[in-house]
């Protein structure tokens, strides 16, 4: 079953865009992570993004770096994180799960072993932010062997020719960095960001999902109106969890409301544009 294609088709038929909601597995702890995933999915997110922890997350801003450090400080192992993926998959068989993992964490256990374990965990797709196209062939071979969609990332500074190559190497969708910099919550959606999304859509035919700095329903609307088929928010979710973690009922209520508002912003933006 191709969960990602099913979600794209379903939203296209309903005249909606995609909302991907991100979290850091293991933050603030493993059990709460599962409840957070449950809240996100039940509130209507289309795809669950799982930003796996690493000691040197070069693409991430302070919010996610702090969450990664918190997870690592608890001594949570990658195997425990894989078991969390399995638990989410068992509870929610239809939600696409998209993992972000740094290359060192894939290479260390052995590339093929990592992809095999990822597939056992029920994960659908993987983005490795620090993996270049030139180094990608062994990763792509394992992704194909274990039926994991390999996603690549393009930034506003990426030349058009390179964007085309990244799109050809990607499966599922192309992940767009909407800002020049690292992940983090932003107050505004710039004209430059809109122009970048429009430029990419003239180059590639693959669905594109916009991330980095997407914090509000208005940001989602602007990303989709510029031509993206979807938008992703992670840092805002992690901030919400951090700020309300002392009252888990309140946190769940606020998180559910945020996800519902972000998903509602995708109405009227068919993924036919993808």
Protein backbone atom coordinates (compact mmCIF):
# COMPACT_ATOMS: atom_id res chain seq x y z
CA UNK A 1 0.00 0.00 0.00
CA UNK A 2 1.37 3.41 -0.98
CA UNK A 3 0.20 5.58 1.89
CA UNK A 4 1.73 8.79 0.53
CA UNK A 5 0.14 8.47 -2.90
CA UNK A 6 -3.17 7.66 -1.25
CA UNK A 7 -3.01 10.87 0.81
CA UNK A 8 -2.11 12.95 -2.25
CA UNK A 9 -4.98 11.42 -4.22
CA UNK A 10 -7.50 11.82 -1.39
CA UNK A 11 -6.70 15.49 -0.87
CA UNK A 12 -6.68 16.21 -4.60
CA UNK A 13 -10.17 14.74 -4.92
CA UNK A 14 -11.34 16.79 -1.94
CA UNK A 15 -9.79 20.02 -3.24
CA UNK A 16 -7.34 20.36 -0.36
CA UNK A 17 -3.61 20.73 0.07
CA UNK A 18 -1.39 18.67 2.34
CA UNK A 19 -0.46 19.58 5.89
CA UNK A 20 2.53 17.76 7.36
CA UNK A 21 3.03 18.08 11.11
CA UNK A 22 6.47 17.56 12.61
CA UNK A 23 7.66 16.36 15.99
CA UNK A 24 10.88 15.16 17.60
CA UNK A 25 10.46 11.49 18.60
CA UNK A 26 11.49 11.05 22.22
CA UNK A 27 10.75 14.68 23.16
CA UNK A 28 9.92 15.28 25.92
CA UNK A 29 9.95 11.51 26.57
CA UNK A 30 9.00 8.34 24.72
CA UNK A 31 5.53 7.86 26.19
CA UNK A 32 4.55 11.50 25.73
CA UNK A 33 5.91 11.32 22.17
CA UNK A 34 3.42 8.62 21.34
CA UNK A 35 0.57 10.69 22.79
CA UNK A 36 1.76 13.71 20.78
CA UNK A 37 1.77 11.64 17.59
CA UNK A 38 -1.71 10.38 18.45
CA UNK A 39 -2.99 13.93 18.96
CA UNK A 40 -1.42 15.18 15.74
CA UNK A 41 -2.88 12.35 13.66
CA UNK A 42 -6.33 12.45 15.21
CA UNK A 43 -6.47 16.24 14.72
CA UNK A 44 -6.16 15.72 10.97
CA UNK A 45 -2.53 16.04 9.87
CA UNK A 46 -1.98 14.32 6.52
CA UNK A 47 1.64 13.26 7.10
CA UNK A 48 3.62 12.80 10.30
CA UNK A 49 7.16 14.17 10.14
CA UNK A 50 9.58 12.61 12.65
CA UNK A 51 12.75 14.65 13.13
CA UNK A 52 15.13 12.10 14.63
CA UNK A 53 17.77 13.38 17.03
CA UNK A 54 21.44 13.89 16.24
CA UNK A 55 24.21 15.68 18.11
CA UNK A 56 25.08 18.02 15.22
CA UNK A 57 21.85 18.80 13.34
CA UNK A 58 23.28 21.35 10.92
CA UNK A 59 19.94 22.12 9.21
CA UNK A 60 18.06 22.77 12.44
CA UNK A 61 17.66 25.97 14.40
CA UNK A 62 17.71 26.44 18.20
CA UNK A 63 14.22 25.01 18.83
CA UNK A 64 14.94 21.62 17.28
CA UNK A 65 18.55 21.56 18.47
CA UNK A 66 17.34 21.91 22.06
CA UNK A 67 14.80 19.14 21.54
CA UNK A 68 17.46 16.87 20.01
CA UNK A 69 19.80 17.54 22.92
CA UNK A 70 17.01 16.75 25.38
CA UNK A 71 16.38 13.39 23.71
CA UNK A 72 20.08 12.53 23.59
CA UNK A 73 20.49 13.62 27.20
CA UNK A 74 17.96 11.00 28.27
CA UNK A 75 20.06 8.29 26.64
CA UNK A 76 17.24 7.26 24.30
CA UNK A 77 18.63 4.85 21.70
CA UNK A 78 17.84 4.63 18.01
CA UNK A 79 16.33 1.20 18.64
CA UNK A 80 13.89 2.76 21.10
CA UNK A 81 12.98 5.34 18.46
CA UNK A 82 12.42 2.58 15.88
CA UNK A 83 10.11 0.84 18.35
CA UNK A 84 8.22 4.12 18.75
CA UNK A 85 7.76 4.18 14.95
CA UNK A 86 6.41 0.63 15.12
CA UNK A 87 3.98 1.61 17.86
CA UNK A 88 2.69 4.59 15.85
CA UNK A 89 2.35 2.44 12.73
CA UNK A 90 0.46 -0.25 14.64
CA UNK A 91 -1.99 2.31 16.03
CA UNK A 92 -2.35 4.28 12.80
CA UNK A 93 -1.89 2.00 9.78
CA UNK A 94 -2.80 4.63 7.17
CA UNK A 95 -0.79 7.72 8.17
CA UNK A 96 2.32 8.34 6.03
CA UNK A 97 5.39 8.61 8.27
CA UNK A 98 8.28 10.74 7.03
CA UNK A 99 11.59 10.56 8.91
CA UNK A 100 14.39 13.13 8.88
CA UNK A 101 17.70 11.55 9.84
CA UNK A 102 21.29 12.76 9.46
CA UNK A 103 23.70 10.75 7.33
CA UNK A 104 25.97 9.69 10.19
CA UNK A 105 23.05 7.94 11.91
CA UNK A 106 22.26 6.03 8.71
CA UNK A 107 25.85 5.15 7.92
CA UNK A 108 26.88 4.02 11.40
CA UNK A 109 24.72 0.86 11.64
CA UNK A 110 25.26 0.17 7.93
CA UNK A 111 23.19 1.82 5.23
CA UNK A 112 21.23 -1.27 4.25
CA UNK A 113 20.67 -2.26 7.89
CA UNK A 114 19.27 1.18 8.64
CA UNK A 115 16.81 1.12 5.74
CA UNK A 116 15.74 -2.41 6.62
CA UNK A 117 15.00 -1.34 10.20
CA UNK A 118 13.20 1.77 8.98
CA UNK A 119 10.96 -0.37 6.80
CA UNK A 120 10.28 -2.72 9.72
CA UNK A 121 9.17 0.35 11.66
CA UNK A 122 6.55 1.13 9.04
CA UNK A 123 8.18 4.33 7.81
CA UNK A 124 7.29 5.47 4.28
CA UNK A 125 9.90 8.07 3.37
CA UNK A 126 13.25 9.46 4.48
CA UNK A 127 15.07 12.77 4.11
CA UNK A 128 18.79 12.98 4.92
CA UNK A 129 19.54 16.74 5.04
CA UNK A 130 23.32 16.36 4.78
CA UNK A 131 23.32 13.76 1.98
CA UNK A 132 24.53 15.11 -1.35
CA UNK A 133 23.45 13.71 -4.71
CA UNK A 134 27.02 12.68 -5.40
CA UNK A 135 27.08 10.47 -2.28
CA UNK A 136 23.53 9.20 -2.70
CA UNK A 137 23.76 6.02 -4.86
CA UNK A 138 24.22 3.47 -2.03
CA UNK A 139 21.43 5.14 -0.05
CA UNK A 140 19.15 5.12 -3.09
CA UNK A 141 19.84 1.43 -3.71
CA UNK A 142 18.84 0.53 -0.16
CA UNK A 143 15.80 2.80 -0.31
CA UNK A 144 14.63 1.01 -3.44
CA UNK A 145 15.33 -2.43 -1.97
CA UNK A 146 13.30 -1.70 1.17
CA UNK A 147 10.56 0.37 -0.51
CA UNK A 148 11.43 3.60 1.29
CA UNK A 149 10.81 6.79 -0.66
CA UNK A 150 13.99 8.88 -0.66
CA UNK A 151 13.27 12.59 -0.45
CA UNK A 152 15.76 15.34 -1.30
CA UNK A 153 15.80 18.96 -0.27
CA UNK A 154 16.14 22.15 -2.34
CA UNK A 155 16.83 25.67 -1.07
CA UNK A 156 16.37 29.16 -2.55
CA UNK A 157 20.09 29.19 -3.35
CA UNK A 158 19.91 25.92 -5.32
CA UNK A 159 20.48 26.46 -9.07
CA UNK A 160 17.75 25.35 -11.46
CA UNK A 161 19.84 22.55 -12.98
CA UNK A 162 20.54 21.16 -9.53
CA UNK A 163 16.85 21.35 -8.60
CA UNK A 164 16.00 19.24 -11.65
CA UNK A 165 18.58 16.63 -10.63
CA UNK A 166 17.25 16.59 -7.05
CA UNK A 167 13.71 16.14 -8.34
CA UNK A 168 14.75 13.20 -10.54
CA UNK A 169 16.46 11.52 -7.59
CA UNK A 170 13.53 12.12 -5.21
CA UNK A 171 10.53 9.86 -4.90
CA UNK A 172 7.24 10.91 -3.37
CA UNK A 173 7.92 14.62 -3.20
CA UNK A 174 10.62 17.30 -3.15
CA UNK A 175 11.13 19.12 0.16
CA UNK A 176 11.57 22.88 -0.25
CA UNK A 177 13.46 25.01 2.25
CA UNK A 178 11.49 28.24 2.08
CA UNK A 179 14.21 30.37 3.68
CA UNK A 180 17.97 30.71 3.48
CA UNK A 181 18.99 29.37 6.88
CA UNK A 182 17.95 26.77 9.42
CA UNK A 183 14.61 25.56 10.75
CA UNK A 184 12.69 27.83 13.07
CA UNK A 185 9.52 29.78 13.64
CA UNK A 186 9.12 32.91 11.48
CA UNK A 187 6.71 35.83 11.61
CA UNK A 188 6.32 36.45 7.88
CA UNK A 189 6.16 34.66 4.56
CA UNK A 190 8.33 36.67 2.19
CA UNK A 191 7.82 37.51 -1.48
CA UNK A 192 11.15 35.80 -2.14
CA UNK A 193 9.77 32.57 -0.69
CA UNK A 194 6.71 32.74 -2.91
CA UNK A 195 8.86 33.42 -5.96
CA UNK A 196 11.09 30.46 -5.09
CA UNK A 197 8.15 28.04 -4.90
CA UNK A 198 6.82 29.35 -8.22
CA UNK A 199 10.27 28.93 -9.79
CA UNK A 200 10.56 25.34 -8.64
CA UNK A 201 7.11 24.49 -9.98
CA UNK A 202 8.15 25.66 -13.45
CA UNK A 203 11.11 23.25 -13.31
CA UNK A 204 9.81 20.03 -11.76
CA UNK A 205 6.70 17.89 -12.05
CA UNK A 206 7.12 16.18 -8.69
CA UNK A 207 4.91 17.30 -5.78
CA UNK A 208 6.66 19.89 -3.61
CA UNK A 209 6.13 20.42 0.11
CA UNK A 210 7.34 23.64 1.70
CA UNK A 211 8.97 23.73 5.12
CA UNK A 212 11.30 25.76 7.38
CA UNK A 213 9.55 28.75 8.95
CA UNK A 214 5.93 27.68 8.33
CA UNK A 215 4.25 28.73 11.57
CA UNK A 216 0.68 29.92 10.90
CA UNK A 217 -2.39 29.12 8.79
CA UNK A 218 -1.59 32.21 6.71
CA UNK A 219 1.86 30.78 5.93
CA UNK A 220 0.19 27.56 4.77
CA UNK A 221 -2.18 29.47 2.49
CA UNK A 222 0.67 31.49 1.01
CA UNK A 223 2.79 28.39 0.37
CA UNK A 224 -0.08 26.60 -1.35
CA UNK A 225 -1.17 29.65 -3.36
CA UNK A 226 2.43 29.91 -4.62
CA UNK A 227 2.22 26.38 -6.04
CA UNK A 228 3.29 24.00 -3.27
CA UNK A 229 1.06 20.95 -2.82
CA UNK A 230 1.69 21.01 0.91
CA UNK A 231 3.33 22.72 3.87
CA UNK A 232 5.04 21.44 7.00
CA UNK A 233 5.34 22.91 10.48
CA UNK A 234 7.65 21.47 13.13
CA UNK A 235 9.40 24.14 15.22
CA UNK A 236 6.08 25.76 16.20
CA UNK A 237 4.79 22.39 17.37
CA UNK A 238 7.93 21.69 19.39
CA UNK A 239 7.68 25.16 20.98
CA UNK A 240 4.05 24.52 21.88
CA UNK A 241 5.01 21.21 23.50
CA UNK A 242 7.88 22.78 25.43
CA UNK A 243 5.84 25.72 26.67
CA UNK A 244 2.87 23.61 27.84
CA UNK A 245 4.55 20.38 28.87
CA UNK A 246 3.70 20.77 32.56
CA UNK A 247 -0.01 20.33 31.80
CA UNK A 248 -0.37 17.50 29.32
CA UNK A 249 -4.13 17.87 28.97
CA UNK A 250 -3.78 21.54 28.11
CA UNK A 251 -0.88 20.75 25.77
CA UNK A 252 -2.93 18.15 23.92
CA UNK A 253 -5.85 20.55 23.57
CA UNK A 254 -3.67 23.38 22.27
CA UNK A 255 -1.80 21.05 19.92
CA UNK A 256 -5.01 19.62 18.52
CA UNK A 257 -6.36 23.12 17.92
CA UNK A 258 -3.17 24.19 16.16
CA UNK A 259 -3.19 21.15 13.85
CA UNK A 260 -6.87 21.66 13.00
CA UNK A 261 -6.28 25.34 12.17
CA UNK A 262 -3.26 24.52 9.98
CA UNK A 263 -5.14 21.76 8.16
CA UNK A 264 -8.17 24.01 7.65
CA UNK A 265 -5.89 26.45 5.83
CA UNK A 266 -5.35 23.85 3.07
CA UNK A 267 -9.00 23.95 1.98
CA UNK A 268 -9.46 25.16 -1.58
CA UNK A 269 -5.89 24.34 -2.63
CA UNK A 270 -6.11 21.14 -4.65
CA UNK A 271 -3.02 18.98 -4.87
CA UNK A 272 -3.74 18.87 -8.60
CA UNK A 273 -1.14 21.63 -8.74
CA UNK A 274 1.45 19.05 -7.61
